[in-house]
C-alpha atoms as a PDB file:
ATOM      1  CA  MET A   1    -131.369 -26.456  51.693  1.00  0.00           C
ATOM      2  CA  THR A   2    -130.403 -30.114  51.818  1.00  0.00           C
ATOM      3  CA  PRO A   3    -126.958 -31.159  53.012  1.00  0.00           C
ATOM      4  CA  ALA A   4    -126.250 -32.649  49.559  1.00  0.00           C
ATOM      5  CA  ALA A   5    -126.837 -29.291  47.879  1.00  0.00           C
ATOM      6  CA  ARG A   6    -124.293 -27.438  50.044  1.00  0.00           C
ATOM      7  CA  PRO A   7    -121.121 -28.895  48.430  1.00  0.00           C
ATOM      8  CA  ALA A   8    -122.435 -28.051  44.973  1.00  0.00           C
ATOM      9  CA  ARG A   9    -123.211 -24.517  46.076  1.00  0.00           C
ATOM     10  CA  VAL A  10    -119.758 -24.132  47.664  1.00  0.00           C
ATOM     11  CA  GLY A  11    -118.144 -25.437  44.458  1.00  0.00           C
ATOM     12  CA  LEU A  12    -120.146 -22.968  42.419  1.00  0.00           C
ATOM     13  CA  GLY A  13    -119.057 -20.151  44.734  1.00  0.00           C
ATOM     14  CA  LEU A  14    -115.403 -21.155  44.418  1.00  0.00           C
ATOM     15  CA  GLY A  15    -115.680 -21.332  40.624  1.00  0.00           C
ATOM     16  CA  LEU A  16    -117.270 -17.912  40.527  1.00  0.00           C
ATOM     17  CA  ALA A  17    -114.565 -16.479  42.779  1.00  0.00           C
ATOM     18  CA  ALA A  18    -111.851 -17.958  40.559  1.00  0.00           C
ATOM     19  CA  ALA A  19    -113.459 -16.481  37.432  1.00  0.00           C
ATOM     20  CA  VAL A  20    -113.670 -13.043  39.048  1.00  0.00           C
ATOM     21  CA  GLY A  21    -110.016 -13.305  40.113  1.00  0.00           C
ATOM     22  CA  LEU A  22    -108.912 -14.240  36.600  1.00  0.00           C
ATOM     23  CA  ALA A  23    -110.917 -11.412  35.067  1.00  0.00           C
ATOM     24  CA  ALA A  24    -109.414  -8.923  37.510  1.00  0.00           C
ATOM     25  CA  GLY A  25    -105.927 -10.199  36.698  1.00  0.00           C
ATOM     26  CA  ALA A  26    -106.578  -9.857  32.980  1.00  0.00           C
ATOM     27  CA  CYS A  27    -107.806  -6.285  33.413  1.00  0.00           C
ATOM     28  CA  LYS A  28    -104.726  -5.415  35.453  1.00  0.00           C
ATOM     29  CA  LYS A  29    -102.450  -6.931  32.801  1.00  0.00           C
ATOM     30  CA  GLN A  30    -104.154  -4.894  30.074  1.00  0.00           C
ATOM     31  CA  GLN A  31    -103.697  -1.731  32.116  1.00  0.00           C
ATOM     32  CA  GLU A  32     -99.981  -2.453  32.552  1.00  0.00           C
ATOM     33  CA  GLU A  33     -99.384  -2.799  28.798  1.00  0.00           C
ATOM     34  CA  PRO A  34     -98.724   0.438  26.918  1.00  0.00           C
ATOM     35  CA  ALA A  35    -101.714   1.767  25.026  1.00  0.00           C
ATOM     36  CA  GLY A  36    -102.011   0.747  21.400  1.00  0.00           C
ATOM     37  CA  GLY A  37     -99.885  -2.400  21.801  1.00  0.00           C
ATOM     38  CA  ALA A  38     -96.554  -0.569  21.729  1.00  0.00           C
ATOM     39  CA  ARG A  39     -94.189  -2.003  19.178  1.00  0.00           C
ATOM     40  CA  PRO A  40     -91.049  -3.764  20.306  1.00  0.00           C
ATOM     41  CA  ALA A  41     -87.696  -2.190  19.705  1.00  0.00           C
ATOM     42  CA  ALA A  42     -86.715  -2.682  16.091  1.00  0.00           C
ATOM     43  CA  ILE A  43     -83.700  -4.721  15.130  1.00  0.00           C
ATOM     44  CA  SER A  44     -80.780  -2.317  14.896  1.00  0.00           C
ATOM     45  CA  ALA A  45     -79.392  -1.418  11.499  1.00  0.00           C
ATOM     46  CA  ALA A  46     -75.971  -2.663  12.609  1.00  0.00           C
ATOM     47  CA  GLU A  47     -77.391  -6.064  13.562  1.00  0.00           C
ATOM     48  CA  ILE A  48     -79.200  -6.325  10.233  1.00  0.00           C
ATOM     49  CA  LYS A  49     -76.036  -5.376   8.315  1.00  0.00           C
ATOM     50  CA  ARG A  50     -73.914  -7.929  10.189  1.00  0.00           C
ATOM     51  CA  GLY A  51     -76.550 -10.581   9.545  1.00  0.00           C
ATOM     52  CA  ARG A  52     -76.836  -9.784   5.852  1.00  0.00           C
ATOM     53  CA  ASP A  53     -73.043  -9.815   5.535  1.00  0.00           C
ATOM     54  CA  ALA A  54     -72.773 -13.154   7.378  1.00  0.00           C
ATOM     55  CA  CYS A  55     -75.401 -14.772   5.186  1.00  0.00           C
ATOM     56  CA  ALA A  56     -73.970 -13.361   1.967  1.00  0.00           C
ATOM     57  CA  ALA A  57     -70.529 -14.667   2.937  1.00  0.00           C
ATOM     58  CA  TYR A  58     -71.999 -18.107   3.645  1.00  0.00           C
ATOM     59  CA  VAL A  59     -73.868 -18.239   0.325  1.00  0.00           C
ATOM     60  CA  ASP A  60     -70.771 -17.127  -1.584  1.00  0.00           C
ATOM     61  CA  ALA A  61     -68.513 -19.613   0.201  1.00  0.00           C
ATOM     62  CA  VAL A  62     -70.759 -22.664  -0.053  1.00  0.00           C
ATOM     63  CA  CYS A  63     -71.593 -22.026  -3.706  1.00  0.00           C
ATOM     64  CA  ALA A  64     -67.937 -21.436  -4.589  1.00  0.00           C
ATOM     65  CA  CYS A  65     -67.127 -24.701  -2.868  1.00  0.00           C
ATOM     66  CA  ALA A  66     -69.967 -26.513  -4.671  1.00  0.00           C
ATOM     67  CA  LYS A  67     -68.085 -26.037  -7.943  1.00  0.00           C
ATOM     68  CA  THR A  68     -65.410 -28.474  -6.760  1.00  0.00           C
ATOM     69  CA  VAL A  69     -66.972 -30.396  -3.850  1.00  0.00           C
ATOM     70  CA  PRO A  70     -70.099 -32.422  -4.706  1.00  0.00           C
ATOM     71  CA  ALA A  71     -71.186 -32.577  -1.055  1.00  0.00           C
ATOM     72  CA  ALA A  72     -71.649 -28.788  -1.095  1.00  0.00           C
ATOM     73  CA  GLN A  73     -74.054 -28.752  -4.051  1.00  0.00           C
ATOM     74  CA  GLN A  74     -77.239 -29.294  -2.038  1.00  0.00           C
ATOM     75  CA  PRO A  75     -76.284 -26.746   0.661  1.00  0.00           C
ATOM     76  CA  CYS A  76     -75.536 -24.284  -2.162  1.00  0.00           C
ATOM     77  CA  ALA A  77     -78.971 -24.857  -3.671  1.00  0.00           C
ATOM     78  CA  LEU A  78     -80.617 -24.205  -0.288  1.00  0.00           C
ATOM     79  CA  ALA A  79     -78.377 -21.349   0.869  1.00  0.00           C
ATOM     80  CA  PRO A  80     -80.139 -18.448  -0.920  1.00  0.00           C
ATOM     81  CA  ALA A  81     -83.268 -19.122   1.147  1.00  0.00           C
ATOM     82  CA  LEU A  82     -81.529 -17.866   4.308  1.00  0.00           C
ATOM     83  CA  PRO A  83     -80.931 -14.272   3.129  1.00  0.00           C
ATOM     84  CA  GLU A  84     -84.412 -14.248   1.561  1.00  0.00           C
ATOM     85  CA  SER A  85     -86.001 -15.333   4.849  1.00  0.00           C
ATOM     86  CA  ILE A  86     -84.162 -12.522   6.629  1.00  0.00           C
ATOM     87  CA  GLU A  87     -85.516  -9.931   4.188  1.00  0.00           C
ATOM     88  CA  VAL A  88     -89.094 -11.208   4.497  1.00  0.00           C
ATOM     89  CA  ALA A  89     -88.942 -11.239   8.295  1.00  0.00           C
ATOM     90  CA  ILE A  90     -87.423  -7.731   8.377  1.00  0.00           C
ATOM     91  CA  ASP A  91     -90.220  -6.455   6.150  1.00  0.00           C
ATOM     92  CA  VAL A  92     -92.888  -8.071   8.330  1.00  0.00           C
ATOM     93  CA  SER A  93     -91.441  -6.824  11.606  1.00  0.00           C
ATOM     94  CA  ALA A  94     -91.013  -3.263  10.285  1.00  0.00           C
ATOM     95  CA  HIS A  95     -94.458  -2.941   8.689  1.00  0.00           C
ATOM     96  CA  PRO A  96     -96.632  -0.506  10.665  1.00  0.00           C
ATOM     97  CA  GLU A  97     -99.748  -2.698  10.432  1.00  0.00           C
ATOM     98  CA  THR A  98     -98.017  -5.798  11.794  1.00  0.00           C
ATOM     99  CA  GLU A  99     -99.441  -6.925  15.126  1.00  0.00           C
ATOM    100  CA  ARG A 100     -97.060  -6.664  18.074  1.00  0.00           C
ATOM    101  CA  LEU A 101     -96.756 -10.442  18.545  1.00  0.00           C
ATOM    102  CA  ASP A 102     -96.051 -10.966  14.850  1.00  0.00           C
ATOM    103  CA  ALA A 103     -93.388  -8.248  14.911  1.00  0.00           C
ATOM    104  CA  VAL A 104     -91.685  -9.884  17.905  1.00  0.00           C
ATOM    105  CA  GLN A 105     -91.792 -13.299  16.239  1.00  0.00           C
ATOM    106  CA  SER A 106     -90.458 -11.880  12.972  1.00  0.00           C
ATOM    107  CA  ALA A 107     -87.551 -10.247  14.774  1.00  0.00           C
ATOM    108  CA  ALA A 108     -86.800 -13.609  16.411  1.00  0.00           C
ATOM    109  CA  ALA A 109     -86.931 -15.270  12.984  1.00  0.00           C
ATOM    110  CA  VAL A 110     -84.365 -12.763  11.667  1.00  0.00           C
ATOM    111  CA  ARG A 111     -82.012 -13.591  14.522  1.00  0.00           C
ATOM    112  CA  LYS A 112     -82.497 -17.360  14.026  1.00  0.00           C
ATOM    113  CA  ALA A 113     -81.750 -17.116  10.310  1.00  0.00           C
ATOM    114  CA  ILE A 114     -78.603 -15.095  11.032  1.00  0.00           C
ATOM    115  CA  ALA A 115     -77.549 -17.727  13.567  1.00  0.00           C
ATOM    116  CA  ARG A 116     -78.095 -20.457  10.950  1.00  0.00           C
ATOM    117  CA  CYS A 117     -75.843 -18.624   8.483  1.00  0.00           C
ATOM    118  CA  ILE A 118     -73.097 -18.424  11.081  1.00  0.00           C
ATOM    119  CA  GLU A 119     -73.532 -22.061  12.130  1.00  0.00           C
ATOM    120  CA  HIS A 120     -73.527 -23.288   8.517  1.00  0.00           C
ATOM    121  CA  THR A 121     -70.404 -21.245   7.819  1.00  0.00           C
ATOM    122  CA  ALA A 122     -68.686 -22.907  10.779  1.00  0.00           C
ATOM    123  CA  ARG A 123     -69.601 -26.331   9.334  1.00  0.00           C
ATOM    124  CA  LEU A 124     -68.125 -25.676   5.897  1.00  0.00           C
ATOM    125  CA  PRO A 125     -64.830 -27.419   6.725  1.00  0.00           C
ATOM    126  CA  GLU A 126     -66.834 -30.604   7.466  1.00  0.00           C
ATOM    127  CA  LEU A 127     -67.891 -30.559   3.806  1.00  0.00           C
ATOM    128  CA  GLY A 128     -64.316 -30.049   2.685  1.00  0.00           C
ATOM    129  CA  CYS A 129     -64.780 -26.337   2.042  1.00  0.00           C
ATOM    130  CA  ALA A 130     -62.872 -23.370   3.382  1.00  0.00           C
ATOM    131  CA  ALA A 131     -64.808 -21.010   5.603  1.00  0.00           C
ATOM    132  CA  PRO A 132     -64.946 -17.383   4.373  1.00  0.00           C
ATOM    133  CA  GLY A 133     -61.676 -15.595   5.020  1.00  0.00           C
ATOM    134  CA  MET A 134     -59.730 -18.878   5.267  1.00  0.00           C
ATOM    135  CA  LYS A 135     -57.658 -20.520   2.576  1.00  0.00           C
ATOM    136  CA  ARG A 136     -58.229 -24.173   1.922  1.00  0.00           C
END
């Protein structure tokens, strides 16, 4: 073997060792995961109810305000999409054929939509509207 061929052979050996190490790590990771891609814990019924209530209150408040405050008309037109997105994401995450990753992402989408409802409700006074439960 020529001296020039040795570094290439060493590099090939290192690459092969790295590939074997990665494959072994992947096998170990698969063994650690529950069989059948166990589903994540579902969103609790209480959390879903609070979220639905928060979004319904936001939609009602912003659309009631839109009758007298022009700046609230566009938020009122967009508001119904938030509760609808929650329902779609709940359906996806609860469906038995949904892949585990998709179920996790759908549950996260539910929580983000609920957070948006709460944040938008908190911003209603900036539009000149009363937040739900508050008199203007």
